Amino acid sequence: MLKEQDIANALISGDLTGIVTNGEYAYIPLRFSGTGITERLDENGKARLIDRRLEDFATPELMKEYANINILLTHPKNENGDCVRAGLVNGGAFVGNTIASYLKGEEIWVIGRLHDADIVDLIMGNAKNGTDLSTSPHISSEEVLGENGVYVEKPFKINHLAIVGEGF
């Protein structure tokens, strides 16, 4: 039987693909976050450009942090329906955690260790039905307006990674 670190390394290298199980857990590569410029809505629904710079999000300290966070099914929400930190209120069922992080081009990826067989079935069922799930990190950050009118996002705390419906 392959050890957990062997599974993670093989998934990162591409020697193993898809969901790999070892009897107790299921391991899967998950996209944590892209980097670069994207359009996001602010709290008032107004679109603005945000630059999530690779050099800010892929520091050795953050890469280490990405390798040890909770994976939740949906983001927990407060009474107003806003996303909040894990462990507060309304949803966010714990389904696993991350065990490794790596770069794939300009994207940050993690290896997830899923504890719940129902979540593996959900992921596999959605893949077969063509209805993809996605991932969404909960990152506490500061956005600083740059000279070119693009906001630069500066991360300072990673709370969790949520499995969400595509287009969240």
C-alpha atoms as a PDB file:
ATOM      1  CA  MET A   1       0.000   0.000   0.000  1.00  0.00           C
ATOM      2  CA  LEU A   2       1.277   3.459  -0.918  1.00  0.00           C
ATOM      3  CA  LYS A   3       2.027   5.852   1.906  1.00  0.00           C
ATOM      4  CA  GLU A   4       0.299   9.226   1.990  1.00  0.00           C
ATOM      5  CA  GLN A   5       3.387  11.215   0.987  1.00  0.00           C
ATOM      6  CA  ASP A   6       4.037   8.803  -1.900  1.00  0.00           C
ATOM      7  CA  ILE A   7       0.473   9.333  -3.120  1.00  0.00           C
ATOM      8  CA  ALA A   8       0.805  13.126  -2.850  1.00  0.00           C
ATOM      9  CA  ASN A   9       4.136  13.115  -4.711  1.00  0.00           C
ATOM     10  CA  ALA A  10       2.744  10.857  -7.464  1.00  0.00           C
ATOM     11  CA  LEU A  11      -0.333  13.076  -7.900  1.00  0.00           C
ATOM     12  CA  ILE A  12       1.872  16.173  -8.084  1.00  0.00           C
ATOM     13  CA  SER A  13       4.207  14.591 -10.648  1.00  0.00           C
ATOM     14  CA  GLY A  14       1.329  13.189 -12.705  1.00  0.00           C
ATOM     15  CA  ASP A  15       2.369   9.558 -12.159  1.00  0.00           C
ATOM     16  CA  LEU A  16      -1.074   9.092 -10.570  1.00  0.00           C
ATOM     17  CA  THR A  17      -4.206  10.908 -11.757  1.00  0.00           C
ATOM     18  CA  GLY A  18      -7.763  11.408 -10.584  1.00  0.00           C
ATOM     19  CA  ILE A  19      -8.920  10.333  -7.147  1.00  0.00           C
ATOM     20  CA  VAL A  20      -6.624   7.858  -5.389  1.00  0.00           C
ATOM     21  CA  THR A  21      -7.795   5.891  -2.366  1.00  0.00           C
ATOM     22  CA  ASN A  22      -5.809   3.949   0.204  1.00  0.00           C
ATOM     23  CA  GLY A  23      -8.684   2.346   2.073  1.00  0.00           C
ATOM     24  CA  GLU A  24      -9.183   5.075   4.667  1.00  0.00           C
ATOM     25  CA  TYR A  25      -8.904   8.319   2.700  1.00  0.00           C
ATOM     26  CA  ALA A  26      -9.290   9.590  -0.837  1.00  0.00           C
ATOM     27  CA  TYR A  27      -6.644  11.921  -2.282  1.00  0.00           C
ATOM     28  CA  ILE A  28      -7.313  14.384  -5.072  1.00  0.00           C
ATOM     29  CA  PRO A  29      -5.535  17.329  -6.703  1.00  0.00           C
ATOM     30  CA  LEU A  30      -7.564  20.509  -6.187  1.00  0.00           C
ATOM     31  CA  ARG A  31      -6.997  23.946  -7.679  1.00  0.00           C
ATOM     32  CA  PHE A  32      -6.539  26.349  -4.792  1.00  0.00           C
ATOM     33  CA  SER A  33      -6.265  29.626  -6.654  1.00  0.00           C
ATOM     34  CA  GLY A  34      -5.225  31.236  -9.856  1.00  0.00           C
ATOM     35  CA  THR A  35      -3.089  34.327  -9.967  1.00  0.00           C
ATOM     36  CA  GLY A  36      -3.046  37.368 -12.187  1.00  0.00           C
ATOM     37  CA  ILE A  37      -5.666  40.001 -12.941  1.00  0.00           C
ATOM     38  CA  THR A  38      -9.352  39.173 -12.674  1.00  0.00           C
ATOM     39  CA  GLU A  39     -12.600  41.094 -12.363  1.00  0.00           C
ATOM     40  CA  ARG A  40     -14.498  40.850  -9.067  1.00  0.00           C
ATOM     41  CA  LEU A  41     -17.524  42.521  -7.581  1.00  0.00           C
ATOM     42  CA  ASP A  42     -17.036  44.615  -4.473  1.00  0.00           C
ATOM     43  CA  GLU A  43     -19.469  44.678  -1.525  1.00  0.00           C
ATOM     44  CA  ASN A  44     -21.707  47.090  -3.479  1.00  0.00           C
ATOM     45  CA  GLY A  45     -21.836  44.910  -6.596  1.00  0.00           C
ATOM     46  CA  LYS A  46     -19.500  47.178  -8.574  1.00  0.00           C
ATOM     47  CA  ALA A  47     -16.934  45.442 -10.809  1.00  0.00           C
ATOM     48  CA  ARG A  48     -13.261  46.164 -10.280  1.00  0.00           C
ATOM     49  CA  LEU A  49      -9.960  44.637 -11.351  1.00  0.00           C
ATOM     50  CA  ILE A  50      -7.947  42.692  -8.770  1.00  0.00           C
ATOM     51  CA  ASP A  51      -4.347  41.532  -9.230  1.00  0.00           C
ATOM     52  CA  ARG A  52      -3.549  38.380  -7.260  1.00  0.00           C
ATOM     53  CA  ARG A  53       0.212  38.375  -7.831  1.00  0.00           C
ATOM     54  CA  LEU A  54       1.997  35.025  -7.921  1.00  0.00           C
ATOM     55  CA  GLU A  55       4.945  36.437  -5.967  1.00  0.00           C
ATOM     56  CA  ASP A  56       2.573  37.464  -3.139  1.00  0.00           C
ATOM     57  CA  PHE A  57       0.501  34.266  -3.071  1.00  0.00           C
ATOM     58  CA  ALA A  58       3.256  31.679  -3.622  1.00  0.00           C
ATOM     59  CA  THR A  59       5.699  32.650  -0.895  1.00  0.00           C
ATOM     60  CA  PRO A  60       7.334  29.704   0.910  1.00  0.00           C
ATOM     61  CA  GLU A  61       5.343  30.577   4.060  1.00  0.00           C
ATOM     62  CA  LEU A  62       1.982  30.585   2.282  1.00  0.00           C
ATOM     63  CA  MET A  63       2.770  27.443   0.280  1.00  0.00           C
ATOM     64  CA  LYS A  64       3.424  25.722   3.608  1.00  0.00           C
ATOM     65  CA  GLU A  65       0.145  27.082   4.994  1.00  0.00           C
ATOM     66  CA  TYR A  66      -1.835  25.884   1.938  1.00  0.00           C
ATOM     67  CA  ALA A  67      -0.603  22.373   2.688  1.00  0.00           C
ATOM     68  CA  ASN A  68      -2.464  22.223   5.996  1.00  0.00           C
ATOM     69  CA  ILE A  69      -5.937  23.748   5.791  1.00  0.00           C
ATOM     70  CA  ASN A  70      -9.467  22.414   6.178  1.00  0.00           C
ATOM     71  CA  ILE A  71     -11.581  21.495   3.174  1.00  0.00           C
ATOM     72  CA  LEU A  72     -15.265  22.314   3.592  1.00  0.00           C
ATOM     73  CA  LEU A  73     -18.355  21.558   1.552  1.00  0.00           C
ATOM     74  CA  THR A  74     -19.502  25.121   0.809  1.00  0.00           C
ATOM     75  CA  HIS A  75     -18.389  28.224   2.654  1.00  0.00           C
ATOM     76  CA  PRO A  76     -19.882  28.841   6.098  1.00  0.00           C
ATOM     77  CA  LYS A  77     -22.105  31.935   6.038  1.00  0.00           C
ATOM     78  CA  ASN A  78     -23.293  34.440   8.606  1.00  0.00           C
ATOM     79  CA  GLU A  79     -26.894  35.594   9.117  1.00  0.00           C
ATOM     80  CA  ASN A  80     -26.546  37.975   6.152  1.00  0.00           C
ATOM     81  CA  GLY A  81     -25.357  35.214   3.826  1.00  0.00           C
ATOM     82  CA  ASP A  82     -21.776  36.493   3.688  1.00  0.00           C
ATOM     83  CA  CYS A  83     -18.860  34.022   3.682  1.00  0.00           C
ATOM     84  CA  VAL A  84     -17.129  33.757   7.038  1.00  0.00           C
ATOM     85  CA  ARG A  85     -14.276  31.831   8.639  1.00  0.00           C
ATOM     86  CA  ALA A  86     -14.713  28.111   9.133  1.00  0.00           C
ATOM     87  CA  GLY A  87     -16.271  27.104  12.413  1.00  0.00           C
ATOM     88  CA  LEU A  88     -18.666  30.019  12.757  1.00  0.00           C
ATOM     89  CA  VAL A  89     -22.245  29.491  11.532  1.00  0.00           C
ATOM     90  CA  ASN A  90     -24.469  28.030   8.812  1.00  0.00           C
ATOM     91  CA  GLY A  91     -22.869  25.297   6.761  1.00  0.00           C
ATOM     92  CA  GLY A  92     -19.333  24.579   5.823  1.00  0.00           C
ATOM     93  CA  ALA A  93     -19.310  20.867   6.655  1.00  0.00           C
ATOM     94  CA  PHE A  94     -15.750  19.614   7.222  1.00  0.00           C
ATOM     95  CA  VAL A  95     -14.887  16.971   4.591  1.00  0.00           C
ATOM     96  CA  GLY A  96     -11.089  16.807   4.680  1.00  0.00           C
ATOM     97  CA  ASN A  97      -7.848  18.722   4.703  1.00  0.00           C
ATOM     98  CA  THR A  98      -4.922  19.497   2.449  1.00  0.00           C
ATOM     99  CA  ILE A  99      -1.615  17.651   2.776  1.00  0.00           C
ATOM    100  CA  ALA A 100       0.587  19.239   0.087  1.00  0.00           C
ATOM    101  CA  SER A 101       0.723  22.331  -2.122  1.00  0.00           C
ATOM    102  CA  TYR A 102       2.434  23.002  -5.430  1.00  0.00           C
ATOM    103  CA  LEU A 103       2.518  25.328  -8.400  1.00  0.00           C
ATOM    104  CA  LYS A 104       1.038  24.330 -11.722  1.00  0.00           C
ATOM    105  CA  GLY A 105       2.002  27.145 -14.054  1.00  0.00           C
ATOM    106  CA  GLU A 106       0.556  30.349 -12.589  1.00  0.00           C
ATOM    107  CA  GLU A 107      -1.920  28.455 -10.380  1.00  0.00           C
ATOM    108  CA  ILE A 108      -1.645  27.190  -6.828  1.00  0.00           C
ATOM    109  CA  TRP A 109      -2.806  23.590  -6.359  1.00  0.00           C
ATOM    110  CA  VAL A 110      -3.151  21.374  -3.302  1.00  0.00           C
ATOM    111  CA  ILE A 111      -3.557  17.679  -2.654  1.00  0.00           C
ATOM    112  CA  GLY A 112      -6.729  17.156  -0.689  1.00  0.00           C
ATOM    113  CA  ARG A 113      -7.253  14.273   1.725  1.00  0.00           C
ATOM    114  CA  LEU A 114     -10.989  13.631   1.824  1.00  0.00           C
ATOM    115  CA  HIS A 115     -12.415  11.839   4.858  1.00  0.00           C
ATOM    116  CA  ASP A 116     -15.965  11.446   3.602  1.00  0.00           C
ATOM    117  CA  ALA A 117     -16.867   8.790   0.998  1.00  0.00           C
ATOM    118  CA  ASP A 118     -20.057  10.711   0.158  1.00  0.00           C
ATOM    119  CA  ILE A 119     -17.967  13.688  -1.007  1.00  0.00           C
ATOM    120  CA  VAL A 120     -15.907  11.449  -3.287  1.00  0.00           C
ATOM    121  CA  ASP A 121     -19.181  10.075  -4.709  1.00  0.00           C
ATOM    122  CA  LEU A 122     -20.451  13.645  -5.198  1.00  0.00           C
ATOM    123  CA  ILE A 123     -17.286  14.701  -7.023  1.00  0.00           C
ATOM    124  CA  MET A 124     -17.261  11.593  -9.204  1.00  0.00           C
ATOM    125  CA  GLY A 125     -21.011  11.838  -9.891  1.00  0.00           C
ATOM    126  CA  ASN A 126     -20.730  15.462 -10.944  1.00  0.00           C
ATOM    127  CA  ALA A 127     -17.768  14.659 -13.201  1.00  0.00           C
ATOM    128  CA  LYS A 128     -19.771  11.879 -14.902  1.00  0.00           C
ATOM    129  CA  ASN A 129     -22.805  14.153 -15.313  1.00  0.00           C
ATOM    130  CA  GLY A 130     -20.730  16.996 -16.725  1.00  0.00           C
ATOM    131  CA  THR A 131     -21.635  19.310 -13.835  1.00  0.00           C
ATOM    132  CA  ASP A 132     -18.300  20.313 -12.427  1.00  0.00           C
ATOM    133  CA  LEU A 133     -17.654  21.352  -8.894  1.00  0.00           C
ATOM    134  CA  SER A 134     -15.126  24.042  -8.207  1.00  0.00           C
ATOM    135  CA  THR A 135     -13.027  25.225  -5.292  1.00  0.00           C
ATOM    136  CA  SER A 136     -13.023  28.557  -3.522  1.00  0.00           C
ATOM    137  CA  PRO A 137     -10.440  29.582  -0.915  1.00  0.00           C
ATOM    138  CA  HIS A 138     -11.324  31.789   2.023  1.00  0.00           C
ATOM    139  CA  ILE A 139      -8.422  34.221   2.133  1.00  0.00           C
ATOM    140  CA  SER A 140      -8.179  37.195   4.445  1.00  0.00           C
ATOM    141  CA  SER A 141      -6.408  39.878   2.487  1.00  0.00           C
ATOM    142  CA  GLU A 142      -5.920  43.558   1.968  1.00  0.00           C
ATOM    143  CA  GLU A 143      -6.562  45.194  -1.387  1.00  0.00           C
ATOM    144  CA  VAL A 144      -4.375  48.192  -2.208  1.00  0.00           C
ATOM    145  CA  LEU A 145      -5.217  50.454  -5.134  1.00  0.00           C
ATOM    146  CA  GLY A 146      -2.312  50.438  -7.583  1.00  0.00           C
ATOM    147  CA  GLU A 147      -1.158  53.230  -9.854  1.00  0.00           C
ATOM    148  CA  ASN A 148      -2.960  51.765 -12.861  1.00  0.00           C
ATOM    149  CA  GLY A 149      -6.377  51.568 -11.143  1.00  0.00           C
ATOM    150  CA  VAL A 150      -6.010  47.833 -10.481  1.00  0.00           C
ATOM    151  CA  TYR A 151      -6.294  46.677  -6.874  1.00  0.00           C
ATOM    152  CA  VAL A 152      -3.376  44.530  -5.683  1.00  0.00           C
ATOM    153  CA  GLU A 153      -4.465  41.774  -3.293  1.00  0.00           C
ATOM    154  CA  LYS A 154      -2.121  41.079  -0.377  1.00  0.00           C
ATOM    155  CA  PRO A 155      -2.933  37.857   1.524  1.00  0.00           C
ATOM    156  CA  PHE A 156      -2.343  37.526   5.242  1.00  0.00           C
ATOM    157  CA  LYS A 157      -4.406  34.535   6.450  1.00  0.00           C
ATOM    158  CA  ILE A 158      -5.766  31.424   4.764  1.00  0.00           C
ATOM    159  CA  ASN A 159      -8.766  29.911   6.547  1.00  0.00           C
ATOM    160  CA  HIS A 160     -10.176  27.100   4.405  1.00  0.00           C
ATOM    161  CA  LEU A 161     -10.833  25.745   0.941  1.00  0.00           C
ATOM    162  CA  ALA A 162     -14.485  25.187   0.036  1.00  0.00           C
ATOM    163  CA  ILE A 163     -15.855  22.783  -2.548  1.00  0.00           C
ATOM    164  CA  VAL A 164     -18.560  24.770  -4.322  1.00  0.00           C
ATOM    165  CA  GLY A 165     -20.709  24.684  -7.429  1.00  0.00           C
ATOM    166  CA  GLU A 166     -19.008  25.835 -10.593  1.00  0.00           C
ATOM    167  CA  GLY A 167     -19.341  29.585 -11.075  1.00  0.00           C
ATOM    168  CA  PHE A 168     -19.514  30.365  -7.350  1.00  0.00           C
END
